[in-house]
Amino acid sequence: MRRTTMMRMMLGVGALLPAAIAWGAPPPSAYAASAAAQARPLAPAQRLERRFLQITAANLRFQSEASRLAAARSNNPAVKELANTVLARQQTVQPELLRLLHLRGMAMPIPSNEHNKVLKQLGKLNGAKFDRLYVDEVVLRSAQADITNYEKLATQAEDPVLKAWIERQLPTLRQEFAKAGRALPNASLHGQRAV
């Protein structure tokens, strides 16, 4: 009996749609176009916050993929420890970052071409060359860019939840950066990226 009632309701709704269109109601696709036309552009602070989250998520994904490689392939105990530190941070930060992205209707970004290029290079290297590229490009360069981005957004963000999250992450990023400098003392910092 319950199934019959549901079938009648579904048929009734199906019959209402053509009747609604005949009475002058716009078709369902018109609602999407109307909503898009009424959408307002984001404020500059919101655009900056969204850009920050995109860059942070892409860097986190890149760092974790490279760190998995380093944990498995490096023979240097300091580099292995550094990779495990990055992976541990990734495990705690990723759920929080995903929540911040989802609250804004965003998804994890795909890896950038630059990140894919470094990952491909890491896949071809072994030994000291692998360790050097991992520490230089993945940890030092990426962590320095993250620290710069976090510090910038900490002063410019309007979202109090995002600001608090940034303040919690900065000390860990700074410790990771210092640890990378100790893992390979002659590691260099080539360039920096910032938001």
N, C-alpha and C. Protein backbone atom coordinates (compact mmCIF):
# COMPACT_ATOMS: atom_id res chain seq x y z
N MET A 1 0.82 -1.19 0.00
CA MET A 1 0.00 0.00 0.00
C MET A 1 0.87 1.26 0.00
N ARG A 2 1.90 1.22 0.74
CA ARG A 2 2.80 2.36 0.81
C ARG A 2 3.44 2.64 -0.56
N ARG A 3 3.79 1.59 -1.26
CA ARG A 3 4.40 1.71 -2.58
C ARG A 3 3.44 2.35 -3.57
N THR A 4 2.18 1.98 -3.49
CA THR A 4 1.16 2.53 -4.38
C THR A 4 1.00 4.03 -4.13
N THR A 5 1.00 4.43 -2.88
CA THR A 5 0.86 5.85 -2.53
C THR A 5 2.03 6.64 -3.09
N MET A 6 3.24 6.11 -2.96
CA MET A 6 4.42 6.80 -3.48
C MET A 6 4.34 6.93 -5.00
N MET A 7 3.89 5.91 -5.68
CA MET A 7 3.77 5.95 -7.14
C MET A 7 2.78 7.04 -7.56
N ARG A 8 1.66 7.14 -6.86
CA ARG A 8 0.68 8.17 -7.17
C ARG A 8 1.26 9.57 -6.95
N MET A 9 2.04 9.73 -5.86
CA MET A 9 2.65 11.03 -5.60
C MET A 9 3.65 11.39 -6.69
N MET A 10 4.44 10.42 -7.12
CA MET A 10 5.44 10.68 -8.15
C MET A 10 4.77 11.04 -9.47
N LEU A 11 3.70 10.34 -9.80
CA LEU A 11 2.97 10.65 -11.02
C LEU A 11 2.34 12.04 -10.93
N GLY A 12 1.88 12.38 -9.74
CA GLY A 12 1.27 13.70 -9.55
C GLY A 12 2.30 14.80 -9.72
N VAL A 13 3.50 14.61 -9.18
CA VAL A 13 4.57 15.61 -9.32
C VAL A 13 4.97 15.70 -10.78
N GLY A 14 5.07 14.58 -11.46
CA GLY A 14 5.43 14.57 -12.88
C GLY A 14 4.39 15.30 -13.72
N ALA A 15 3.15 15.22 -13.33
CA ALA A 15 2.10 15.91 -14.07
C ALA A 15 2.09 17.40 -13.75
N LEU A 16 2.58 17.79 -12.58
CA LEU A 16 2.60 19.20 -12.20
C LEU A 16 3.64 20.01 -12.97
N LEU A 17 4.76 19.41 -13.33
CA LEU A 17 5.81 20.15 -14.01
C LEU A 17 5.35 20.71 -15.35
N PRO A 18 4.76 19.90 -16.25
CA PRO A 18 4.28 20.50 -17.50
C PRO A 18 3.18 21.54 -17.26
N ALA A 19 2.35 21.30 -16.25
CA ALA A 19 1.28 22.26 -15.96
C ALA A 19 1.88 23.57 -15.47
N ALA A 20 2.92 23.50 -14.64
CA ALA A 20 3.55 24.71 -14.13
C ALA A 20 4.19 25.50 -15.26
N ILE A 21 4.80 24.81 -16.19
CA ILE A 21 5.42 25.48 -17.34
C ILE A 21 4.35 26.12 -18.22
N ALA A 22 3.23 25.40 -18.39
CA ALA A 22 2.13 25.93 -19.20
C ALA A 22 1.54 27.19 -18.56
N TRP A 23 1.55 27.28 -17.24
CA TRP A 23 1.01 28.46 -16.55
C TRP A 23 1.99 29.62 -16.54
N GLY A 24 3.16 29.44 -17.09
CA GLY A 24 4.11 30.54 -17.18
C GLY A 24 5.27 30.45 -16.20
N ALA A 25 5.35 29.39 -15.43
CA ALA A 25 6.49 29.24 -14.52
C ALA A 25 7.72 28.87 -15.34
N PRO A 26 8.88 29.39 -14.99
CA PRO A 26 10.07 29.08 -15.76
C PRO A 26 10.49 27.62 -15.58
N PRO A 27 11.11 27.02 -16.60
CA PRO A 27 11.59 25.64 -16.46
C PRO A 27 12.72 25.60 -15.42
N PRO A 28 12.99 24.42 -14.86
CA PRO A 28 14.02 24.30 -13.81
C PRO A 28 15.38 24.86 -14.22
N SER A 29 15.76 24.75 -15.47
CA SER A 29 17.06 25.26 -15.90
C SER A 29 17.13 26.78 -15.79
N ALA A 30 15.98 27.43 -15.84
CA ALA A 30 15.96 28.88 -15.72
C ALA A 30 16.33 29.32 -14.32
N TYR A 31 16.06 28.47 -13.31
CA TYR A 31 16.43 28.81 -11.94
C TYR A 31 17.95 28.92 -11.80
N ALA A 32 18.69 28.01 -12.42
CA ALA A 32 20.15 28.05 -12.35
C ALA A 32 20.68 29.31 -13.01
N ALA A 33 20.13 29.65 -14.17
CA ALA A 33 20.56 30.86 -14.87
C ALA A 33 20.22 32.10 -14.04
N SER A 34 19.07 32.08 -13.42
CA SER A 34 18.66 33.21 -12.58
C SER A 34 19.57 33.34 -11.37
N ALA A 35 19.90 32.22 -10.74
CA ALA A 35 20.79 32.26 -9.58
C ALA A 35 22.16 32.76 -9.98
N ALA A 36 22.66 32.34 -11.13
CA ALA A 36 23.97 32.80 -11.60
C ALA A 36 23.96 34.29 -11.88
N ALA A 37 22.86 34.78 -12.44
CA ALA A 37 22.75 36.21 -12.75
C ALA A 37 22.70 37.05 -11.48
N GLN A 38 22.16 36.48 -10.40
CA GLN A 38 22.04 37.22 -9.15
C GLN A 38 23.27 37.07 -8.26
N ALA A 39 24.21 36.22 -8.64
CA ALA A 39 25.41 36.01 -7.82
C ALA A 39 26.23 37.29 -7.77
N ARG A 40 26.74 37.58 -6.58
CA ARG A 40 27.57 38.77 -6.40
C ARG A 40 29.03 38.35 -6.33
N PRO A 41 29.92 39.20 -6.84
CA PRO A 41 31.35 38.86 -6.76
C PRO A 41 31.81 38.84 -5.30
N LEU A 42 32.83 38.03 -5.05
CA LEU A 42 33.38 37.93 -3.71
C LEU A 42 34.15 39.19 -3.35
N ALA A 43 34.16 39.51 -2.09
CA ALA A 43 34.95 40.62 -1.59
C ALA A 43 36.43 40.27 -1.72
N PRO A 44 37.30 41.27 -1.82
CA PRO A 44 38.74 40.99 -1.96
C PRO A 44 39.30 40.08 -0.87
N ALA A 45 38.87 40.27 0.38
CA ALA A 45 39.36 39.43 1.47
C ALA A 45 38.93 37.97 1.28
N GLN A 46 37.70 37.76 0.80
CA GLN A 46 37.24 36.40 0.55
C GLN A 46 37.99 35.76 -0.60
N ARG A 47 38.28 36.52 -1.64
CA ARG A 47 39.08 35.99 -2.76
C ARG A 47 40.47 35.60 -2.28
N LEU A 48 41.06 36.44 -1.45
CA LEU A 48 42.39 36.15 -0.90
C LEU A 48 42.37 34.89 -0.04
N GLU A 49 41.35 34.74 0.78
CA GLU A 49 41.21 33.56 1.63
C GLU A 49 41.06 32.30 0.78
N ARG A 50 40.25 32.37 -0.27
CA ARG A 50 40.05 31.22 -1.15
C ARG A 50 41.35 30.86 -1.87
N ARG A 51 42.07 31.87 -2.35
CA ARG A 51 43.35 31.63 -3.04
C ARG A 51 44.35 31.00 -2.08
N PHE A 52 44.39 31.51 -0.85
CA PHE A 52 45.27 30.95 0.17
C PHE A 52 44.96 29.47 0.39
N LEU A 53 43.68 29.13 0.53
CA LEU A 53 43.29 27.75 0.77
C LEU A 53 43.66 26.85 -0.41
N GLN A 54 43.51 27.35 -1.63
CA GLN A 54 43.90 26.57 -2.81
C GLN A 54 45.40 26.28 -2.80
N ILE A 55 46.20 27.31 -2.56
CA ILE A 55 47.65 27.14 -2.55
C ILE A 55 48.08 26.22 -1.41
N THR A 56 47.49 26.42 -0.24
CA THR A 56 47.83 25.61 0.93
C THR A 56 47.49 24.15 0.69
N ALA A 57 46.32 23.89 0.14
CA ALA A 57 45.90 22.50 -0.13
C ALA A 57 46.80 21.86 -1.18
N ALA A 58 47.15 22.60 -2.22
CA ALA A 58 48.03 22.05 -3.27
C ALA A 58 49.41 21.75 -2.68
N ASN A 59 49.94 22.66 -1.87
CA ASN A 59 51.25 22.44 -1.25
C ASN A 59 51.21 21.26 -0.30
N LEU A 60 50.15 21.13 0.46
CA LEU A 60 50.03 20.01 1.40
C LEU A 60 50.00 18.68 0.66
N ARG A 61 49.27 18.63 -0.42
CA ARG A 61 49.20 17.40 -1.21
C ARG A 61 50.58 17.07 -1.79
N PHE A 62 51.24 18.08 -2.34
CA PHE A 62 52.58 17.91 -2.91
C PHE A 62 53.57 17.43 -1.85
N GLN A 63 53.57 18.08 -0.69
CA GLN A 63 54.49 17.72 0.38
C GLN A 63 54.26 16.29 0.87
N SER A 64 53.00 15.89 0.96
CA SER A 64 52.71 14.54 1.46
C SER A 64 53.11 13.48 0.44
N GLU A 65 52.85 13.72 -0.85
CA GLU A 65 53.25 12.74 -1.87
C GLU A 65 54.77 12.60 -1.92
N ALA A 66 55.47 13.73 -1.88
CA ALA A 66 56.93 13.68 -1.92
C ALA A 66 57.48 13.05 -0.63
N SER A 67 56.85 13.31 0.49
CA SER A 67 57.33 12.76 1.76
C SER A 67 57.11 11.25 1.83
N ARG A 68 56.06 10.75 1.21
CA ARG A 68 55.87 9.29 1.14
C ARG A 68 57.03 8.67 0.37
N LEU A 69 57.42 9.31 -0.73
CA LEU A 69 58.58 8.83 -1.50
C LEU A 69 59.84 8.87 -0.64
N ALA A 70 60.06 9.97 0.06
CA ALA A 70 61.27 10.12 0.87
C ALA A 70 61.30 9.11 2.01
N ALA A 71 60.17 8.87 2.64
CA ALA A 71 60.13 7.90 3.74
C ALA A 71 60.46 6.50 3.24
N ALA A 72 60.09 6.21 2.01
CA ALA A 72 60.33 4.87 1.45
C ALA A 72 61.71 4.74 0.80
N ARG A 73 62.24 5.82 0.21
CA ARG A 73 63.44 5.68 -0.62
C ARG A 73 64.72 6.24 -0.03
N SER A 74 64.64 7.14 0.91
CA SER A 74 65.85 7.77 1.42
C SER A 74 66.61 6.82 2.35
N ASN A 75 67.92 6.92 2.31
CA ASN A 75 68.77 6.15 3.23
C ASN A 75 69.28 7.02 4.37
N ASN A 76 69.02 8.31 4.30
CA ASN A 76 69.48 9.26 5.31
C ASN A 76 68.46 9.29 6.44
N PRO A 77 68.87 8.91 7.67
CA PRO A 77 67.91 8.89 8.78
C PRO A 77 67.28 10.26 9.07
N ALA A 78 68.04 11.33 8.91
CA ALA A 78 67.50 12.67 9.16
C ALA A 78 66.43 13.03 8.13
N VAL A 79 66.63 12.63 6.89
CA VAL A 79 65.65 12.90 5.83
C VAL A 79 64.41 12.04 6.05
N LYS A 80 64.60 10.79 6.44
CA LYS A 80 63.45 9.92 6.74
C LYS A 80 62.62 10.50 7.89
N GLU A 81 63.31 10.97 8.92
CA GLU A 81 62.62 11.56 10.07
C GLU A 81 61.85 12.82 9.65
N LEU A 82 62.46 13.62 8.81
CA LEU A 82 61.80 14.82 8.29
C LEU A 82 60.56 14.45 7.49
N ALA A 83 60.69 13.45 6.64
CA ALA A 83 59.54 13.00 5.84
C ALA A 83 58.41 12.51 6.74
N ASN A 84 58.76 11.77 7.79
CA ASN A 84 57.73 11.28 8.72
C ASN A 84 57.08 12.42 9.48
N THR A 85 57.85 13.48 9.79
CA THR A 85 57.29 14.66 10.44
C THR A 85 56.28 15.35 9.53
N VAL A 86 56.64 15.49 8.25
CA VAL A 86 55.73 16.11 7.29
C VAL A 86 54.46 15.28 7.14
N LEU A 87 54.61 13.97 7.07
CA LEU A 87 53.44 13.09 6.93
C LEU A 87 52.55 13.14 8.17
N ALA A 88 53.15 13.23 9.34
CA ALA A 88 52.36 13.32 10.57
C ALA A 88 51.55 14.63 10.59
N ARG A 89 52.20 15.72 10.18
CA ARG A 89 51.48 17.01 10.12
C ARG A 89 50.35 16.93 9.10
N GLN A 90 50.62 16.31 7.97
CA GLN A 90 49.61 16.19 6.92
C GLN A 90 48.38 15.44 7.43
N GLN A 91 48.59 14.40 8.21
CA GLN A 91 47.46 13.62 8.72
C GLN A 91 46.57 14.42 9.67
N THR A 92 47.15 15.34 10.42
CA THR A 92 46.33 16.14 11.33
C THR A 92 45.74 17.36 10.64
N VAL A 93 46.46 17.92 9.67
CA VAL A 93 46.03 19.16 9.02
C VAL A 93 45.01 18.91 7.92
N GLN A 94 45.15 17.82 7.19
CA GLN A 94 44.29 17.60 6.03
C GLN A 94 42.80 17.60 6.35
N PRO A 95 42.32 16.92 7.39
CA PRO A 95 40.88 16.97 7.67
C PRO A 95 40.39 18.39 7.98
N GLU A 96 41.20 19.15 8.72
CA GLU A 96 40.82 20.53 9.02
C GLU A 96 40.79 21.38 7.75
N LEU A 97 41.79 21.19 6.90
CA LEU A 97 41.86 21.94 5.65
C LEU A 97 40.70 21.57 4.72
N LEU A 98 40.37 20.30 4.67
CA LEU A 98 39.23 19.87 3.85
C LEU A 98 37.94 20.51 4.34
N ARG A 99 37.78 20.61 5.65
CA ARG A 99 36.58 21.24 6.21
C ARG A 99 36.53 22.71 5.81
N LEU A 100 37.66 23.41 5.89
CA LEU A 100 37.71 24.83 5.49
C LEU A 100 37.39 24.99 4.01
N LEU A 101 37.88 24.08 3.19
CA LEU A 101 37.57 24.13 1.76
C LEU A 101 36.09 23.89 1.51
N HIS A 102 35.55 22.85 2.14
CA HIS A 102 34.15 22.48 1.91
C HIS A 102 33.19 23.56 2.39
N LEU A 103 33.55 24.26 3.46
CA LEU A 103 32.68 25.35 3.93
C LEU A 103 32.54 26.44 2.88
N ARG A 104 33.52 26.54 2.00
CA ARG A 104 33.49 27.55 0.93
C ARG A 104 33.08 26.94 -0.41
N GLY A 105 32.65 25.69 -0.40
CA GLY A 105 32.23 25.04 -1.63
C GLY A 105 33.39 24.69 -2.54
N MET A 106 34.56 24.46 -1.97
CA MET A 106 35.76 24.16 -2.75
C MET A 106 36.18 22.72 -2.52
N ALA A 107 36.94 22.19 -3.48
CA ALA A 107 37.49 20.84 -3.36
C ALA A 107 39.01 20.93 -3.35
N MET A 108 39.67 19.82 -3.00
CA MET A 108 41.13 19.79 -3.05
C MET A 108 41.57 20.03 -4.49
N PRO A 109 42.52 20.94 -4.68
CA PRO A 109 42.98 21.20 -6.04
C PRO A 109 43.85 20.07 -6.56
N ILE A 110 43.95 20.00 -7.88
CA ILE A 110 44.83 19.02 -8.48
C ILE A 110 46.26 19.54 -8.40
N PRO A 111 47.25 18.65 -8.41
CA PRO A 111 48.64 19.11 -8.33
C PRO A 111 49.01 20.01 -9.51
N SER A 112 49.84 20.99 -9.24
CA SER A 112 50.27 21.90 -10.30
C SER A 112 51.32 21.22 -11.17
N ASN A 113 51.58 21.81 -12.32
CA ASN A 113 52.61 21.28 -13.21
C ASN A 113 53.97 21.31 -12.54
N GLU A 114 54.24 22.38 -11.79
CA GLU A 114 55.52 22.49 -11.08
C GLU A 114 55.68 21.37 -10.06
N HIS A 115 54.61 21.10 -9.32
CA HIS A 115 54.65 20.01 -8.33
C HIS A 115 54.85 18.67 -9.03
N ASN A 116 54.12 18.43 -10.12
CA ASN A 116 54.27 17.17 -10.84
C ASN A 116 55.69 16.99 -11.39
N LYS A 117 56.28 18.09 -11.83
CA LYS A 117 57.65 18.04 -12.37
C LYS A 117 58.63 17.61 -11.28
N VAL A 118 58.51 18.19 -10.09
CA VAL A 118 59.41 17.82 -8.98
C VAL A 118 59.17 16.38 -8.56
N LEU A 119 57.91 15.95 -8.49
CA LEU A 119 57.61 14.56 -8.12
C LEU A 119 58.20 13.59 -9.14
N LYS A 120 58.13 13.95 -10.41
CA LYS A 120 58.69 13.10 -11.46
C LYS A 120 60.22 13.03 -11.32
N GLN A 121 60.86 14.17 -11.02
CA GLN A 121 62.31 14.19 -10.81
C GLN A 121 62.69 13.33 -9.61
N LEU A 122 61.92 13.44 -8.53
CA LEU A 122 62.19 12.63 -7.34
C LEU A 122 62.10 11.15 -7.67
N GLY A 123 61.15 10.79 -8.52
CA GLY A 123 60.98 9.39 -8.90
C GLY A 123 62.16 8.82 -9.65
N LYS A 124 62.96 9.68 -10.26
CA LYS A 124 64.11 9.22 -11.05
C LYS A 124 65.42 9.21 -10.25
N LEU A 125 65.44 9.87 -9.09
CA LEU A 125 66.68 10.03 -8.34
C LEU A 125 66.80 9.03 -7.20
N ASN A 126 68.04 8.85 -6.74
CA ASN A 126 68.34 8.02 -5.58
C ASN A 126 69.44 8.68 -4.77
N GLY A 127 69.61 8.20 -3.54
CA GLY A 127 70.74 8.60 -2.72
C GLY A 127 70.75 10.07 -2.36
N ALA A 128 71.96 10.65 -2.37
CA ALA A 128 72.16 12.03 -1.94
C ALA A 128 71.45 13.02 -2.85
N LYS A 129 71.36 12.73 -4.16
CA LYS A 129 70.66 13.64 -5.08
C LYS A 129 69.17 13.68 -4.75
N PHE A 130 68.61 12.53 -4.44
CA PHE A 130 67.19 12.48 -4.03
C PHE A 130 66.99 13.30 -2.76
N ASP A 131 67.83 13.05 -1.76
CA ASP A 131 67.71 13.76 -0.48
C ASP A 131 67.81 15.27 -0.68
N ARG A 132 68.76 15.70 -1.49
CA ARG A 132 68.98 17.14 -1.73
C ARG A 132 67.74 17.76 -2.39
N LEU A 133 67.21 17.13 -3.43
CA LEU A 133 66.03 17.68 -4.11
C LEU A 133 64.83 17.69 -3.18
N TYR A 134 64.65 16.62 -2.41
CA TYR A 134 63.52 16.56 -1.48
C TYR A 134 63.60 17.69 -0.46
N VAL A 135 64.74 17.84 0.17
CA VAL A 135 64.88 18.86 1.21
C VAL A 135 64.80 20.26 0.61
N ASP A 136 65.51 20.49 -0.51
CA ASP A 136 65.53 21.83 -1.12
C ASP A 136 64.15 22.25 -1.62
N GLU A 137 63.57 21.43 -2.47
CA GLU A 137 62.34 21.82 -3.16
C GLU A 137 61.07 21.55 -2.36
N VAL A 138 61.00 20.40 -1.75
CA VAL A 138 59.74 20.00 -1.10
C VAL A 138 59.61 20.63 0.28
N VAL A 139 60.66 20.54 1.07
CA VAL A 139 60.52 21.01 2.44
C VAL A 139 60.91 22.48 2.58
N LEU A 140 62.14 22.83 2.22
CA LEU A 140 62.56 24.22 2.43
C LEU A 140 61.77 25.22 1.59
N ARG A 141 61.75 25.01 0.31
CA ARG A 141 61.08 25.98 -0.57
C ARG A 141 59.58 26.03 -0.30
N SER A 142 58.96 24.87 -0.22
CA SER A 142 57.52 24.82 -0.01
C SER A 142 57.15 25.33 1.38
N ALA A 143 57.92 24.96 2.40
CA ALA A 143 57.63 25.43 3.76
C ALA A 143 57.83 26.94 3.87
N GLN A 144 58.87 27.46 3.23
CA GLN A 144 59.09 28.91 3.28
C GLN A 144 57.94 29.65 2.60
N ALA A 145 57.48 29.12 1.47
CA ALA A 145 56.34 29.74 0.79
C ALA A 145 55.09 29.66 1.66
N ASP A 146 54.89 28.52 2.32
CA ASP A 146 53.74 28.38 3.21
C ASP A 146 53.81 29.37 4.36
N ILE A 147 54.98 29.49 4.98
CA ILE A 147 55.13 30.42 6.11
C ILE A 147 54.82 31.84 5.66
N THR A 148 55.35 32.23 4.50
CA THR A 148 55.09 33.57 3.97
C THR A 148 53.60 33.78 3.74
N ASN A 149 52.95 32.80 3.12
CA ASN A 149 51.51 32.89 2.85
C ASN A 149 50.70 32.94 4.14
N TYR A 150 51.05 32.10 5.10
CA TYR A 150 50.32 32.07 6.37
C TYR A 150 50.46 33.40 7.10
N GLU A 151 51.69 33.92 7.15
CA GLU A 151 51.91 35.20 7.85
C GLU A 151 51.14 36.33 7.18
N LYS A 152 51.12 36.33 5.87
CA LYS A 152 50.41 37.38 5.13
C LYS A 152 48.91 37.29 5.42
N LEU A 153 48.36 36.09 5.33
CA LEU A 153 46.92 35.95 5.53
C LEU A 153 46.52 36.15 6.99
N ALA A 154 47.42 35.85 7.91
CA ALA A 154 47.11 36.06 9.32
C ALA A 154 46.78 37.52 9.61
N THR A 155 47.36 38.43 8.84
CA THR A 155 47.09 39.85 9.04
C THR A 155 45.93 40.35 8.18
N GLN A 156 45.60 39.63 7.10
CA GLN A 156 44.59 40.13 6.17
C GLN A 156 43.28 39.38 6.18
N ALA A 157 43.23 38.20 6.76
CA ALA A 157 42.00 37.40 6.74
C ALA A 157 40.92 38.04 7.60
N GLU A 158 39.69 37.89 7.15
CA GLU A 158 38.55 38.39 7.91
C GLU A 158 37.83 37.27 8.65
N ASP A 159 37.96 36.04 8.15
CA ASP A 159 37.28 34.90 8.75
C ASP A 159 38.01 34.51 10.05
N PRO A 160 37.34 34.64 11.21
CA PRO A 160 38.01 34.33 12.48
C PRO A 160 38.41 32.86 12.61
N VAL A 161 37.64 31.96 12.02
CA VAL A 161 37.96 30.53 12.09
C VAL A 161 39.25 30.26 11.31
N LEU A 162 39.35 30.84 10.13
CA LEU A 162 40.54 30.67 9.31
C LEU A 162 41.75 31.30 9.99
N LYS A 163 41.58 32.48 10.56
CA LYS A 163 42.68 33.15 11.27
C LYS A 163 43.20 32.29 12.42
N ALA A 164 42.29 31.72 13.19
CA ALA A 164 42.69 30.87 14.32
C ALA A 164 43.42 29.63 13.82
N TRP A 165 42.94 29.05 12.74
CA TRP A 165 43.60 27.87 12.16
C TRP A 165 45.02 28.22 11.72
N ILE A 166 45.18 29.35 11.07
CA ILE A 166 46.50 29.79 10.61
C ILE A 166 47.44 29.97 11.81
N GLU A 167 46.95 30.61 12.86
CA GLU A 167 47.78 30.83 14.05
C GLU A 167 48.22 29.52 14.69
N ARG A 168 47.37 28.49 14.63
CA ARG A 168 47.74 27.18 15.17
C ARG A 168 48.77 26.48 14.30
N GLN A 169 48.75 26.73 12.99
CA GLN A 169 49.65 26.03 12.07
C GLN A 169 51.04 26.64 11.97
N LEU A 170 51.15 27.94 12.15
CA LEU A 170 52.43 28.63 11.95
C LEU A 170 53.59 28.07 12.79
N PRO A 171 53.43 27.83 14.09
CA PRO A 171 54.57 27.30 14.85
C PRO A 171 55.06 25.95 14.32
N THR A 172 54.15 25.08 13.92
CA THR A 172 54.53 23.78 13.38
C THR A 172 55.29 23.94 12.07
N LEU A 173 54.83 24.84 11.21
CA LEU A 173 55.53 25.08 9.96
C LEU A 173 56.94 25.60 10.20
N ARG A 174 57.08 26.49 11.14
CA ARG A 174 58.40 27.05 11.45
C ARG A 174 59.34 25.98 12.01
N GLN A 175 58.82 25.09 12.84
CA GLN A 175 59.63 23.99 13.38
C GLN A 175 60.07 23.05 12.26
N GLU A 176 59.14 22.74 11.36
CA GLU A 176 59.44 21.86 10.23
C GLU A 176 60.53 22.48 9.35
N PHE A 177 60.44 23.77 9.12
CA PHE A 177 61.43 24.49 8.31
C PHE A 177 62.80 24.43 8.97
N ALA A 178 62.86 24.65 10.28
CA ALA A 178 64.13 24.60 11.01
C ALA A 178 64.70 23.18 11.00
N LYS A 179 63.84 22.18 11.14
CA LYS A 179 64.27 20.79 11.12
C LYS A 179 64.86 20.42 9.76
N ALA A 180 64.28 20.96 8.69
CA ALA A 180 64.80 20.70 7.34
C ALA A 180 66.19 21.28 7.18
N GLY A 181 66.42 22.45 7.74
CA GLY A 181 67.74 23.06 7.67
C GLY A 181 68.80 22.24 8.40
N ARG A 182 68.38 21.53 9.44
CA ARG A 182 69.32 20.67 10.19
C ARG A 182 69.50 19.32 9.52
N ALA A 183 68.49 18.85 8.76
CA ALA A 183 68.58 17.53 8.13
C ALA A 183 69.71 17.49 7.11
N LEU A 184 69.80 18.52 6.30
CA LEU A 184 70.89 18.67 5.34
C LEU A 184 71.42 20.09 5.50
N PRO A 185 72.44 20.28 6.30
CA PRO A 185 72.90 21.63 6.61
C PRO A 185 73.27 22.48 5.39
N ASN A 186 73.67 21.89 4.30
CA ASN A 186 74.06 22.67 3.12
C ASN A 186 72.90 22.87 2.15
N ALA A 187 71.68 22.56 2.58
CA ALA A 187 70.51 22.73 1.70
C ALA A 187 70.32 24.21 1.41
N SER A 188 69.78 24.48 0.25
CA SER A 188 69.61 25.88 -0.15
C SER A 188 68.14 26.20 -0.36
N LEU A 189 67.84 27.48 -0.29
CA LEU A 189 66.49 27.97 -0.55
C LEU A 189 66.56 28.76 -1.84
N HIS A 190 66.08 28.16 -2.93
CA HIS A 190 66.18 28.79 -4.25
C HIS A 190 65.30 30.01 -4.40
N GLY A 191 64.03 29.84 -4.29
CA GLY A 191 63.10 30.95 -4.51
C GLY A 191 61.89 30.78 -3.62
N GLN A 192 61.06 31.78 -3.59
CA GLN A 192 59.87 31.72 -2.76
C GLN A 192 58.65 32.04 -3.60
N ARG A 193 57.57 31.38 -3.24
CA ARG A 193 56.27 31.70 -3.85
C ARG A 193 55.39 32.25 -2.77
N ALA A 194 54.63 33.23 -3.10
CA ALA A 194 53.69 33.78 -2.12
C ALA A 194 52.37 34.06 -2.82
N VAL A 195 51.34 34.18 -2.02
CA VAL A 195 50.00 34.45 -2.55
C VAL A 195 50.01 35.75 -3.32
